[in-house]
């Protein structure tokens, strides 16, 4: 396959970026999208040019490190697939492909296709944890968990924090990410002590990071490589409204502090 790539190049966060065009020849349909970029970078290096910077790690669709807009779609045209698992057989010989970084104020560009997603880490730090006693490993059946709660928690916990939901949302909202992290703990018995405080703290941090508001547009769940439903956002909203309306978040905080 021969492809024409239009790639966003930005040497640093303080530089003005621009699109540059590259030819990708002899691309195997069995290559992943990132392997194709590796081949392009090898040629750039041999020509004495600066390679394209992009995020990656496990390349197995698990870690959430990879992420880029491919022809205007987060992670590319194949639904439920991270960029690293997108294969070139999805495209046709002679195609032109536009590759850009995530576009969101809360995700500033570091270099080329690589963006700073530390805002997600700070949202987790604000409340994405549970209180546990140290010591020996508890018996697996010590705390009963219903099948419905377990399934709901597992579905939400599938979030890999890639940021596609933010990039796809017309408001650049992080509500699906935040809701997934709130939901997967909030539906389990172990997550109840901080349940309402967690919702308040994480939503407040999300707003402080500069993400947009959620209007339930739904593009986030379409772009999510783990296909997490926007039902999680409704769960987050319920906990947040109850916490702010009744003061439950403050009570949880006081109780946790007393422990």
C-alpha atoms as a PDB file:
ATOM      1  CA  UNK A   1       0.000   0.000   0.000  1.00  0.00           C
ATOM      2  CA  UNK A   2       1.030   3.584  -0.670  1.00  0.00           C
ATOM      3  CA  UNK A   3      -0.442   6.287   1.528  1.00  0.00           C
ATOM      4  CA  UNK A   4      -0.213  10.056   1.839  1.00  0.00           C
ATOM      5  CA  UNK A   5       0.000  11.259   5.438  1.00  0.00           C
ATOM      6  CA  UNK A   6      -0.843  14.778   6.577  1.00  0.00           C
ATOM      7  CA  UNK A   7       0.664  14.963  10.067  1.00  0.00           C
ATOM      8  CA  UNK A   8       0.501  17.707  12.684  1.00  0.00           C
ATOM      9  CA  UNK A   9       4.055  18.797  13.550  1.00  0.00           C
ATOM     10  CA  UNK A  10       4.751  20.998  16.564  1.00  0.00           C
ATOM     11  CA  UNK A  11       8.338  21.043  17.908  1.00  0.00           C
ATOM     12  CA  UNK A  12       7.272  22.083  21.429  1.00  0.00           C
ATOM     13  CA  UNK A  13       4.385  23.434  23.453  1.00  0.00           C
ATOM     14  CA  UNK A  14       5.514  27.001  22.808  1.00  0.00           C
ATOM     15  CA  UNK A  15       5.847  26.640  19.043  1.00  0.00           C
ATOM     16  CA  UNK A  16       3.163  27.134  16.449  1.00  0.00           C
ATOM     17  CA  UNK A  17       2.281  23.856  14.794  1.00  0.00           C
ATOM     18  CA  UNK A  18       1.533  23.081  11.174  1.00  0.00           C
ATOM     19  CA  UNK A  19       0.555  20.187   8.939  1.00  0.00           C
ATOM     20  CA  UNK A  20       3.314  18.424   6.998  1.00  0.00           C
ATOM     21  CA  UNK A  21       2.860  15.836   4.262  1.00  0.00           C
ATOM     22  CA  UNK A  22       4.727  12.526   4.024  1.00  0.00           C
ATOM     23  CA  UNK A  23       4.563   9.577   1.669  1.00  0.00           C
ATOM     24  CA  UNK A  24       4.301   6.140   3.262  1.00  0.00           C
ATOM     25  CA  UNK A  25       5.314   3.501   0.730  1.00  0.00           C
ATOM     26  CA  UNK A  26       5.315  -0.293   0.997  1.00  0.00           C
ATOM     27  CA  UNK A  27       2.885  -0.314   3.912  1.00  0.00           C
ATOM     28  CA  UNK A  28       1.731  -3.817   4.804  1.00  0.00           C
ATOM     29  CA  UNK A  29      -2.004  -4.242   5.468  1.00  0.00           C
ATOM     30  CA  UNK A  30      -1.023  -6.310   8.515  1.00  0.00           C
ATOM     31  CA  UNK A  31       0.858  -3.430  10.169  1.00  0.00           C
ATOM     32  CA  UNK A  32      -0.719  -1.627  13.067  1.00  0.00           C
ATOM     33  CA  UNK A  33      -1.140   2.114  12.699  1.00  0.00           C
ATOM     34  CA  UNK A  34       1.753   2.742  15.091  1.00  0.00           C
ATOM     35  CA  UNK A  35       3.985   0.299  13.230  1.00  0.00           C
ATOM     36  CA  UNK A  36       3.276   2.281  10.085  1.00  0.00           C
ATOM     37  CA  UNK A  37       4.386   5.454  11.885  1.00  0.00           C
ATOM     38  CA  UNK A  38       7.512   3.625  13.059  1.00  0.00           C
ATOM     39  CA  UNK A  39       8.409   2.901   9.431  1.00  0.00           C
ATOM     40  CA  UNK A  40       7.813   6.552   8.487  1.00  0.00           C
ATOM     41  CA  UNK A  41      10.021   7.648  11.382  1.00  0.00           C
ATOM     42  CA  UNK A  42      12.816   5.304  10.347  1.00  0.00           C
ATOM     43  CA  UNK A  43      12.872   6.946   6.931  1.00  0.00           C
ATOM     44  CA  UNK A  44      12.809  10.434   8.471  1.00  0.00           C
ATOM     45  CA  UNK A  45      15.754   9.572  10.709  1.00  0.00           C
ATOM     46  CA  UNK A  46      17.727   8.164   7.772  1.00  0.00           C
ATOM     47  CA  UNK A  47      17.064  11.415   5.905  1.00  0.00           C
ATOM     48  CA  UNK A  48      18.357  13.409   8.889  1.00  0.00           C
ATOM     49  CA  UNK A  49      14.926  14.760   9.793  1.00  0.00           C
ATOM     50  CA  UNK A  50      13.100  14.903  13.101  1.00  0.00           C
ATOM     51  CA  UNK A  51      10.856  11.851  13.699  1.00  0.00           C
ATOM     52  CA  UNK A  52       7.174  12.223  14.523  1.00  0.00           C
ATOM     53  CA  UNK A  53       6.569  12.180  18.288  1.00  0.00           C
ATOM     54  CA  UNK A  54       3.576  10.158  19.479  1.00  0.00           C
ATOM     55  CA  UNK A  55       2.527   8.407  22.693  1.00  0.00           C
ATOM     56  CA  UNK A  56       2.625   4.632  23.008  1.00  0.00           C
ATOM     57  CA  UNK A  57       3.547   1.892  25.450  1.00  0.00           C
ATOM     58  CA  UNK A  58       1.992  -1.578  25.593  1.00  0.00           C
ATOM     59  CA  UNK A  59       0.583  -1.497  22.040  1.00  0.00           C
ATOM     60  CA  UNK A  60      -2.025  -4.023  23.134  1.00  0.00           C
ATOM     61  CA  UNK A  61      -4.986  -1.694  23.674  1.00  0.00           C
ATOM     62  CA  UNK A  62      -4.630  -1.892  27.458  1.00  0.00           C
ATOM     63  CA  UNK A  63      -2.571   1.002  28.813  1.00  0.00           C
ATOM     64  CA  UNK A  64      -4.316   3.942  27.123  1.00  0.00           C
ATOM     65  CA  UNK A  65      -1.052   5.693  26.218  1.00  0.00           C
ATOM     66  CA  UNK A  66      -1.720   5.911  22.503  1.00  0.00           C
ATOM     67  CA  UNK A  67      -4.215   8.309  21.045  1.00  0.00           C
ATOM     68  CA  UNK A  68      -4.573  10.567  18.038  1.00  0.00           C
ATOM     69  CA  UNK A  69      -7.217  11.920  15.702  1.00  0.00           C
ATOM     70  CA  UNK A  70      -7.200   9.951  12.454  1.00  0.00           C
ATOM     71  CA  UNK A  71      -9.214  11.595   9.678  1.00  0.00           C
ATOM     72  CA  UNK A  72     -11.066  13.540  12.331  1.00  0.00           C
ATOM     73  CA  UNK A  73     -12.016  10.480  14.400  1.00  0.00           C
ATOM     74  CA  UNK A  74     -10.513   9.641  17.794  1.00  0.00           C
ATOM     75  CA  UNK A  75      -8.447   6.430  17.416  1.00  0.00           C
ATOM     76  CA  UNK A  76      -9.526   6.109  13.801  1.00  0.00           C
ATOM     77  CA  UNK A  77     -12.472   4.636  11.891  1.00  0.00           C
ATOM     78  CA  UNK A  78     -12.750   1.241  13.590  1.00  0.00           C
ATOM     79  CA  UNK A  79     -15.155   1.305  16.534  1.00  0.00           C
ATOM     80  CA  UNK A  80     -14.035  -0.085  19.904  1.00  0.00           C
ATOM     81  CA  UNK A  81     -10.375  -0.045  18.873  1.00  0.00           C
ATOM     82  CA  UNK A  82      -7.413   1.885  20.261  1.00  0.00           C
ATOM     83  CA  UNK A  83      -4.927   3.417  17.812  1.00  0.00           C
ATOM     84  CA  UNK A  84      -2.324   0.743  18.560  1.00  0.00           C
ATOM     85  CA  UNK A  85      -4.789  -1.994  17.601  1.00  0.00           C
ATOM     86  CA  UNK A  86      -5.939  -0.289  14.411  1.00  0.00           C
ATOM     87  CA  UNK A  87      -4.504  -2.136  11.410  1.00  0.00           C
ATOM     88  CA  UNK A  88      -3.677  -0.666   8.030  1.00  0.00           C
ATOM     89  CA  UNK A  89      -6.050  -3.049   6.268  1.00  0.00           C
ATOM     90  CA  UNK A  90      -8.732  -0.636   7.477  1.00  0.00           C
ATOM     91  CA  UNK A  91      -7.476   1.774   4.792  1.00  0.00           C
ATOM     92  CA  UNK A  92      -7.131   1.460   1.033  1.00  0.00           C
ATOM     93  CA  UNK A  93      -4.144   1.857  -1.246  1.00  0.00           C
ATOM     94  CA  UNK A  94      -3.747   5.504  -2.231  1.00  0.00           C
ATOM     95  CA  UNK A  95      -5.682   6.877   0.747  1.00  0.00           C
ATOM     96  CA  UNK A  96      -4.843  10.240   2.289  1.00  0.00           C
ATOM     97  CA  UNK A  97      -4.788  10.177   6.095  1.00  0.00           C
ATOM     98  CA  UNK A  98      -4.888  13.252   8.336  1.00  0.00           C
ATOM     99  CA  UNK A  99      -3.256  12.666  11.748  1.00  0.00           C
ATOM    100  CA  UNK A 100      -3.641  15.185  14.584  1.00  0.00           C
ATOM    101  CA  UNK A 101      -3.241  15.184  18.377  1.00  0.00           C
ATOM    102  CA  UNK A 102      -6.138  15.294  20.844  1.00  0.00           C
ATOM    103  CA  UNK A 103      -7.654  18.787  20.692  1.00  0.00           C
ATOM    104  CA  UNK A 104      -8.655  20.091  24.132  1.00  0.00           C
ATOM    105  CA  UNK A 105      -7.586  22.999  26.302  1.00  0.00           C
ATOM    106  CA  UNK A 106      -6.971  20.606  29.199  1.00  0.00           C
ATOM    107  CA  UNK A 107      -4.701  18.478  26.957  1.00  0.00           C
ATOM    108  CA  UNK A 108      -1.950  20.897  25.840  1.00  0.00           C
ATOM    109  CA  UNK A 109       0.314  19.645  23.072  1.00  0.00           C
ATOM    110  CA  UNK A 110       3.778  18.634  24.265  1.00  0.00           C
ATOM    111  CA  UNK A 111       5.225  17.766  20.877  1.00  0.00           C
ATOM    112  CA  UNK A 112       3.668  16.728  17.564  1.00  0.00           C
ATOM    113  CA  UNK A 113       0.991  14.132  18.381  1.00  0.00           C
ATOM    114  CA  UNK A 114       1.867  13.877  22.074  1.00  0.00           C
ATOM    115  CA  UNK A 115      -0.300  15.749  24.595  1.00  0.00           C
ATOM    116  CA  UNK A 116      -0.160  16.305  28.351  1.00  0.00           C
ATOM    117  CA  UNK A 117      -2.881  14.200  30.006  1.00  0.00           C
ATOM    118  CA  UNK A 118      -1.811  14.807  33.600  1.00  0.00           C
ATOM    119  CA  UNK A 119      -5.223  16.391  34.175  1.00  0.00           C
ATOM    120  CA  UNK A 120      -6.632  12.853  34.302  1.00  0.00           C
ATOM    121  CA  UNK A 121      -4.127  11.897  37.005  1.00  0.00           C
ATOM    122  CA  UNK A 122      -5.147  14.864  39.125  1.00  0.00           C
ATOM    123  CA  UNK A 123      -8.820  13.901  38.821  1.00  0.00           C
ATOM    124  CA  UNK A 124      -7.959  10.413  40.099  1.00  0.00           C
ATOM    125  CA  UNK A 125      -5.880  11.852  42.941  1.00  0.00           C
ATOM    126  CA  UNK A 126      -8.847  13.988  44.018  1.00  0.00           C
ATOM    127  CA  UNK A 127     -10.929  10.974  45.029  1.00  0.00           C
ATOM    128  CA  UNK A 128     -10.401   7.842  42.971  1.00  0.00           C
ATOM    129  CA  UNK A 129      -9.579   5.549  45.855  1.00  0.00           C
ATOM    130  CA  UNK A 130     -11.172   3.505  48.658  1.00  0.00           C
ATOM    131  CA  UNK A 131     -10.294   3.180  52.360  1.00  0.00           C
ATOM    132  CA  UNK A 132      -8.923  -0.261  53.192  1.00  0.00           C
ATOM    133  CA  UNK A 133      -7.377  -1.779  56.289  1.00  0.00           C
ATOM    134  CA  UNK A 134      -3.808  -2.974  55.966  1.00  0.00           C
ATOM    135  CA  UNK A 135      -2.931  -6.503  56.957  1.00  0.00           C
ATOM    136  CA  UNK A 136      -3.587  -9.927  55.544  1.00  0.00           C
ATOM    137  CA  UNK A 137      -5.564 -10.533  52.398  1.00  0.00           C
ATOM    138  CA  UNK A 138      -9.288 -10.672  53.226  1.00  0.00           C
ATOM    139  CA  UNK A 139     -11.356 -13.675  52.242  1.00  0.00           C
ATOM    140  CA  UNK A 140     -12.851 -13.284  48.789  1.00  0.00           C
ATOM    141  CA  UNK A 141     -16.355 -13.933  50.103  1.00  0.00           C
ATOM    142  CA  UNK A 142     -16.091 -11.698  53.185  1.00  0.00           C
ATOM    143  CA  UNK A 143     -18.023  -8.888  51.485  1.00  0.00           C
ATOM    144  CA  UNK A 144     -20.863 -10.105  49.255  1.00  0.00           C
ATOM    145  CA  UNK A 145     -21.155  -8.260  45.924  1.00  0.00           C
ATOM    146  CA  UNK A 146     -24.215  -8.676  43.756  1.00  0.00           C
ATOM    147  CA  UNK A 147     -23.820  -9.798  40.149  1.00  0.00           C
ATOM    148  CA  UNK A 148     -25.423  -6.578  38.913  1.00  0.00           C
ATOM    149  CA  UNK A 149     -22.999  -4.404  40.913  1.00  0.00           C
ATOM    150  CA  UNK A 150     -20.016  -6.501  39.882  1.00  0.00           C
ATOM    151  CA  UNK A 151     -20.904  -6.273  36.196  1.00  0.00           C
ATOM    152  CA  UNK A 152     -21.512  -2.540  36.392  1.00  0.00           C
ATOM    153  CA  UNK A 153     -18.215  -1.994  38.213  1.00  0.00           C
ATOM    154  CA  UNK A 154     -16.274  -4.101  35.712  1.00  0.00           C
ATOM    155  CA  UNK A 155     -17.804  -2.303  32.734  1.00  0.00           C
ATOM    156  CA  UNK A 156     -16.795   1.087  34.171  1.00  0.00           C
ATOM    157  CA  UNK A 157     -13.361  -0.148  35.284  1.00  0.00           C
ATOM    158  CA  UNK A 158     -12.570  -1.023  31.653  1.00  0.00           C
ATOM    159  CA  UNK A 159     -11.686   2.669  31.101  1.00  0.00           C
ATOM    160  CA  UNK A 160      -8.020   2.961  30.108  1.00  0.00           C
ATOM    161  CA  UNK A 161      -7.828   6.751  30.427  1.00  0.00           C
ATOM    162  CA  UNK A 162      -6.761   7.356  26.834  1.00  0.00           C
ATOM    163  CA  UNK A 163      -8.674  10.641  26.492  1.00  0.00           C
ATOM    164  CA  UNK A 164     -10.607   9.759  23.342  1.00  0.00           C
ATOM    165  CA  UNK A 165     -13.840  10.797  25.043  1.00  0.00           C
ATOM    166  CA  UNK A 166     -12.453  14.298  25.571  1.00  0.00           C
ATOM    167  CA  UNK A 167     -11.089  14.563  22.039  1.00  0.00           C
ATOM    168  CA  UNK A 168     -14.354  13.398  20.474  1.00  0.00           C
ATOM    169  CA  UNK A 169     -16.654  15.553  22.600  1.00  0.00           C
ATOM    170  CA  UNK A 170     -17.619  18.878  20.954  1.00  0.00           C
ATOM    171  CA  UNK A 171     -17.379  20.427  24.444  1.00  0.00           C
ATOM    172  CA  UNK A 172     -14.073  18.690  25.307  1.00  0.00           C
ATOM    173  CA  UNK A 173     -15.759  17.241  28.391  1.00  0.00           C
ATOM    174  CA  UNK A 174     -14.081  14.632  30.585  1.00  0.00           C
ATOM    175  CA  UNK A 175     -17.385  13.464  32.041  1.00  0.00           C
ATOM    176  CA  UNK A 176     -17.208   9.905  30.676  1.00  0.00           C
ATOM    177  CA  UNK A 177     -13.709   9.355  32.065  1.00  0.00           C
ATOM    178  CA  UNK A 178     -14.575  10.874  35.444  1.00  0.00           C
ATOM    179  CA  UNK A 179     -17.888   9.033  35.611  1.00  0.00           C
ATOM    180  CA  UNK A 180     -16.231   5.697  34.850  1.00  0.00           C
ATOM    181  CA  UNK A 181     -13.742   6.200  37.684  1.00  0.00           C
ATOM    182  CA  UNK A 182     -16.491   7.274  40.080  1.00  0.00           C
ATOM    183  CA  UNK A 183     -18.885   4.486  39.073  1.00  0.00           C
ATOM    184  CA  UNK A 184     -16.553   1.509  39.242  1.00  0.00           C
ATOM    185  CA  UNK A 185     -15.824   2.302  42.902  1.00  0.00           C
ATOM    186  CA  UNK A 186     -19.191   3.772  43.856  1.00  0.00           C
ATOM    187  CA  UNK A 187     -21.278   0.686  43.063  1.00  0.00           C
ATOM    188  CA  UNK A 188     -19.153  -1.648  45.194  1.00  0.00           C
ATOM    189  CA  UNK A 189     -19.511  -2.071  48.973  1.00  0.00           C
ATOM    190  CA  UNK A 190     -15.837  -1.197  49.462  1.00  0.00           C
ATOM    191  CA  UNK A 191     -16.391   2.169  47.809  1.00  0.00           C
ATOM    192  CA  UNK A 192     -19.261   3.361  49.989  1.00  0.00           C
ATOM    193  CA  UNK A 193     -17.346   5.287  52.740  1.00  0.00           C
ATOM    194  CA  UNK A 194     -16.085   7.878  50.232  1.00  0.00           C
ATOM    195  CA  UNK A 195     -18.883   7.519  47.690  1.00  0.00           C
ATOM    196  CA  UNK A 196     -20.372  11.015  47.842  1.00  0.00           C
ATOM    197  CA  UNK A 197     -17.173  12.803  48.773  1.00  0.00           C
ATOM    198  CA  UNK A 198     -15.553  11.063  45.802  1.00  0.00           C
ATOM    199  CA  UNK A 199     -18.191  12.370  43.391  1.00  0.00           C
ATOM    200  CA  UNK A 200     -17.860  15.948  44.651  1.00  0.00           C
ATOM    201  CA  UNK A 201     -14.067  16.033  44.740  1.00  0.00           C
ATOM    202  CA  UNK A 202     -13.537  14.430  41.342  1.00  0.00           C
ATOM    203  CA  UNK A 203     -16.162  16.543  39.584  1.00  0.00           C
ATOM    204  CA  UNK A 204     -14.750  19.705  41.154  1.00  0.00           C
ATOM    205  CA  UNK A 205     -11.249  18.746  40.000  1.00  0.00           C
ATOM    206  CA  UNK A 206     -12.538  17.975  36.509  1.00  0.00           C
ATOM    207  CA  UNK A 207     -14.021  21.464  36.303  1.00  0.00           C
ATOM    208  CA  UNK A 208     -10.850  23.037  37.705  1.00  0.00           C
ATOM    209  CA  UNK A 209      -8.781  21.396  34.957  1.00  0.00           C
ATOM    210  CA  UNK A 210     -10.692  23.333  32.284  1.00  0.00           C
ATOM    211  CA  UNK A 211     -12.675  20.526  30.676  1.00  0.00           C
ATOM    212  CA  UNK A 212     -15.972  21.502  29.080  1.00  0.00           C
ATOM    213  CA  UNK A 213     -19.451  20.746  30.361  1.00  0.00           C
ATOM    214  CA  UNK A 214     -21.310  17.595  29.375  1.00  0.00           C
ATOM    215  CA  UNK A 215     -24.413  17.985  27.222  1.00  0.00           C
ATOM    216  CA  UNK A 216     -24.886  14.203  26.736  1.00  0.00           C
ATOM    217  CA  UNK A 217     -23.994  14.546  23.061  1.00  0.00           C
ATOM    218  CA  UNK A 218     -22.955  10.888  23.106  1.00  0.00           C
ATOM    219  CA  UNK A 219     -19.881  11.097  20.897  1.00  0.00           C
ATOM    220  CA  UNK A 220     -17.726  10.066  23.877  1.00  0.00           C
ATOM    221  CA  UNK A 221     -19.194   6.567  24.073  1.00  0.00           C
ATOM    222  CA  UNK A 222     -18.847   6.168  20.307  1.00  0.00           C
ATOM    223  CA  UNK A 223     -15.142   7.047  20.438  1.00  0.00           C
ATOM    224  CA  UNK A 224     -14.332   5.052  23.584  1.00  0.00           C
ATOM    225  CA  UNK A 225     -12.160   2.037  22.659  1.00  0.00           C
ATOM    226  CA  UNK A 226     -13.741   0.121  25.560  1.00  0.00           C
ATOM    227  CA  UNK A 227     -17.265   1.239  24.569  1.00  0.00           C
ATOM    228  CA  UNK A 228     -18.181   2.529  28.020  1.00  0.00           C
ATOM    229  CA  UNK A 229     -21.773   3.743  28.090  1.00  0.00           C
ATOM    230  CA  UNK A 230     -22.813   7.268  29.003  1.00  0.00           C
ATOM    231  CA  UNK A 231     -25.020   5.578  31.612  1.00  0.00           C
ATOM    232  CA  UNK A 232     -21.976   6.035  33.858  1.00  0.00           C
ATOM    233  CA  UNK A 233     -22.414   9.812  33.553  1.00  0.00           C
ATOM    234  CA  UNK A 234     -25.952   9.502  34.909  1.00  0.00           C
ATOM    235  CA  UNK A 235     -24.604   7.552  37.883  1.00  0.00           C
ATOM    236  CA  UNK A 236     -22.025  10.294  38.508  1.00  0.00           C
ATOM    237  CA  UNK A 237     -24.660  13.018  38.233  1.00  0.00           C
ATOM    238  CA  UNK A 238     -26.941  11.270  40.713  1.00  0.00           C
ATOM    239  CA  UNK A 239     -24.168  10.944  43.296  1.00  0.00           C
ATOM    240  CA  UNK A 240     -22.999  14.518  42.762  1.00  0.00           C
ATOM    241  CA  UNK A 241     -26.494  16.012  43.028  1.00  0.00           C
ATOM    242  CA  UNK A 242     -27.284  14.008  46.164  1.00  0.00           C
ATOM    243  CA  UNK A 243     -23.964  14.989  47.727  1.00  0.00           C
ATOM    244  CA  UNK A 244     -24.372  18.697  47.059  1.00  0.00           C
ATOM    245  CA  UNK A 245     -28.095  18.823  47.887  1.00  0.00           C
ATOM    246  CA  UNK A 246     -27.898  16.923  51.168  1.00  0.00           C
ATOM    247  CA  UNK A 247     -24.334  17.588  52.293  1.00  0.00           C
ATOM    248  CA  UNK A 248     -23.571  13.871  52.047  1.00  0.00           C
ATOM    249  CA  UNK A 249     -20.171  14.614  50.553  1.00  0.00           C
ATOM    250  CA  UNK A 250     -19.172  16.670  53.595  1.00  0.00           C
ATOM    251  CA  UNK A 251     -20.446  13.982  55.948  1.00  0.00           C
ATOM    252  CA  UNK A 252     -18.401  11.336  54.173  1.00  0.00           C
ATOM    253  CA  UNK A 253     -15.329  13.559  54.409  1.00  0.00           C
ATOM    254  CA  UNK A 254     -15.827  14.083  58.154  1.00  0.00           C
ATOM    255  CA  UNK A 255     -16.383  10.384  58.765  1.00  0.00           C
ATOM    256  CA  UNK A 256     -13.280   9.436  56.804  1.00  0.00           C
ATOM    257  CA  UNK A 257     -11.245  11.983  58.712  1.00  0.00           C
ATOM    258  CA  UNK A 258     -12.429  10.563  62.019  1.00  0.00           C
ATOM    259  CA  UNK A 259     -11.143   7.126  61.026  1.00  0.00           C
END
